Protein backbone atom coordinates (compact mmCIF):
# COMPACT_ATOMS: atom_id res chain seq x y z
CA UNK A 1 -18.01 -3.01 -4.50
CA UNK A 2 -14.58 -1.51 -5.31
CA UNK A 3 -14.38 2.09 -6.27
CA UNK A 4 -11.59 4.05 -7.83
CA UNK A 5 -7.91 3.23 -7.72
CA UNK A 6 -6.47 5.00 -4.68
CA UNK A 7 -2.79 4.23 -5.20
CA UNK A 8 -0.14 1.83 -6.46
CA UNK A 9 2.53 1.07 -3.85
CA UNK A 10 6.13 0.48 -4.87
CA UNK A 11 8.70 -0.80 -2.37
CA UNK A 12 12.07 0.93 -2.72
CA UNK A 13 15.53 0.13 -1.32
CA UNK A 14 16.53 3.83 -1.15
CA UNK A 15 13.79 6.27 -0.24
CA UNK A 16 15.86 9.42 -0.83
CA UNK A 17 16.80 8.26 -4.33
CA UNK A 18 13.17 7.43 -5.12
CA UNK A 19 12.04 10.87 -3.97
CA UNK A 20 14.75 12.58 -6.02
CA UNK A 21 13.89 10.55 -9.10
CA UNK A 22 10.19 11.43 -9.03
CA UNK A 23 10.59 15.06 -7.99
CA UNK A 24 13.59 15.76 -10.21
CA UNK A 25 13.44 13.62 -13.33
CA UNK A 26 9.64 13.40 -13.52
CA UNK A 27 8.77 16.74 -11.92
CA UNK A 28 6.15 15.15 -9.67
CA UNK A 29 4.56 16.61 -6.56
CA UNK A 30 6.15 14.47 -3.83
CA UNK A 31 4.92 14.56 -0.24
CA UNK A 32 7.02 14.34 2.91
CA UNK A 33 8.08 10.95 4.31
CA UNK A 34 5.60 9.66 6.85
CA UNK A 35 6.42 6.87 9.36
CA UNK A 36 3.66 4.30 9.84
CA UNK A 37 4.84 2.20 12.82
CA UNK A 38 1.67 0.05 12.89
CA UNK A 39 2.51 -1.13 9.37
CA UNK A 40 6.31 -1.15 9.70
CA UNK A 41 6.88 1.26 6.81
CA UNK A 42 7.82 4.79 5.91
CA UNK A 43 5.64 6.07 3.08
CA UNK A 44 5.91 8.91 0.61
CA UNK A 45 2.96 9.77 -1.63
CA UNK A 46 3.42 11.14 -5.12
CA UNK A 47 0.31 13.03 -6.18
CA UNK A 48 -0.92 12.55 -9.74
CA UNK A 49 -4.02 14.12 -11.31
CA UNK A 50 -5.94 10.83 -11.23
CA UNK A 51 -4.34 8.78 -8.41
CA UNK A 52 -1.27 8.47 -6.19
CA UNK A 53 1.95 6.46 -6.23
CA UNK A 54 3.06 5.33 -2.78
CA UNK A 55 6.74 4.67 -2.12
CA UNK A 56 7.31 2.18 0.71
CA UNK A 57 10.50 1.84 2.70
CA UNK A 58 11.13 -0.48 5.69
CA UNK A 59 10.66 1.01 9.15
CA UNK A 60 12.48 -1.23 11.61
CA UNK A 61 13.95 -4.72 11.39
CA UNK A 62 10.55 -6.49 11.40
CA UNK A 63 9.09 -4.51 8.52
CA UNK A 64 7.10 -6.62 6.06
CA UNK A 65 8.73 -4.58 3.29
CA UNK A 66 12.18 -5.83 4.32
CA UNK A 67 11.30 -9.38 3.25
CA UNK A 68 9.88 -8.09 -0.03
CA UNK A 69 13.09 -6.15 -0.74
CA UNK A 70 15.21 -9.19 0.16
CA UNK A 71 13.42 -11.04 -2.65
CA UNK A 72 13.35 -7.97 -4.94
CA UNK A 73 16.53 -5.96 -4.17
CA UNK A 74 15.78 -3.30 -6.79
CA UNK A 75 12.27 -2.82 -5.40
CA UNK A 76 9.00 -3.27 -7.25
CA UNK A 77 5.22 -3.05 -7.12
CA UNK A 78 4.11 -4.19 -3.69
CA UNK A 79 0.32 -3.69 -3.76
CA UNK A 80 -2.63 -1.93 -5.36
CA UNK A 81 -5.14 -0.03 -3.24
CA UNK A 82 -8.81 0.34 -4.16
CA UNK A 83 -11.39 2.48 -2.40
CA UNK A 84 -14.54 1.03 -0.83
CA UNK A 85 -17.48 2.80 0.79
CA UNK A 86 -17.82 0.37 3.72
CA UNK A 87 -14.79 -1.71 4.70
CA UNK A 88 -16.74 -4.02 7.02
CA UNK A 89 -19.30 -4.83 4.32
CA UNK A 90 -16.51 -5.34 1.76
CA UNK A 91 -14.69 -7.69 4.15
CA UNK A 92 -17.84 -9.72 4.75
CA UNK A 93 -18.63 -10.01 1.05
CA UNK A 94 -15.05 -11.02 0.23
CA UNK A 95 -14.71 -13.62 2.97
CA UNK A 96 -18.11 -15.08 2.02
CA UNK A 97 -16.74 -15.54 -1.51
CA UNK A 98 -13.62 -17.32 -0.18
CA UNK A 99 -11.09 -14.47 -0.21
CA UNK A 100 -8.67 -14.29 2.71
CA UNK A 101 -8.07 -11.10 4.68
CA UNK A 102 -4.54 -10.87 6.06
CA UNK A 103 -3.91 -10.58 9.79
CA UNK A 104 -6.85 -11.07 12.11
CA UNK A 105 -9.24 -9.49 9.59
CA UNK A 106 -9.71 -6.31 11.60
CA UNK A 107 -9.15 -3.05 9.77
CA UNK A 108 -6.11 -0.98 10.74
CA UNK A 109 -5.73 2.73 10.24
CA UNK A 110 -3.69 3.36 7.09
CA UNK A 111 -1.43 6.17 5.95
CA UNK A 112 -4.41 8.36 5.00
CA UNK A 113 -5.95 8.01 8.47
CA UNK A 114 -8.69 5.71 7.17
CA UNK A 115 -9.45 2.01 7.84
CA UNK A 116 -7.66 -0.48 5.57
CA UNK A 117 -7.47 -4.23 5.09
CA UNK A 118 -5.20 -6.34 2.91
CA UNK A 119 -6.31 -9.33 0.84
CA UNK A 120 -4.14 -12.40 0.29
CA UNK A 121 -2.28 -12.21 -3.04
CA UNK A 122 -2.90 -15.90 -3.78
CA UNK A 123 -6.60 -15.07 -4.03
CA UNK A 124 -6.02 -12.25 -6.57
CA UNK A 125 -3.65 -13.57 -9.25
CA UNK A 126 -0.54 -12.93 -7.17
CA UNK A 127 -1.40 -9.28 -6.42
CA UNK A 128 -1.61 -7.99 -2.85
CA UNK A 129 -4.76 -5.86 -2.62
CA UNK A 130 -5.37 -3.11 -0.08
CA UNK A 131 -8.90 -1.82 0.45
CA UNK A 132 -9.33 1.63 1.98
CA UNK A 133 -12.62 2.98 3.29
CA UNK A 134 -13.41 6.44 1.92
């Protein structure tokens, strides 16, 4: 069902410092910050030859990333995103096997303009999983 790795998301307490670190020290191709109000985050994508690294920063007081950063003040890996061909079929297969989809289970439009869902980390060895339809 899952396809290739789309991105690894890392929550950061200082977005400007994270951008400077990747573009300067590592010489990476870093995109522009992009606000995602439906998800409560500002994202920056770092393009690699085989995948992307997503930097997440809280957007607003109710951002889900704020709670993560409260527990992990230096930041850290927040989630892993895999591609799927059909998000509705993937959701049905996963819920039939006992996995929990976060929220009401309906896909939202993600940072790439495509439908996404998130799977409960307790069902995947403590790792928050995002699925993105491609």
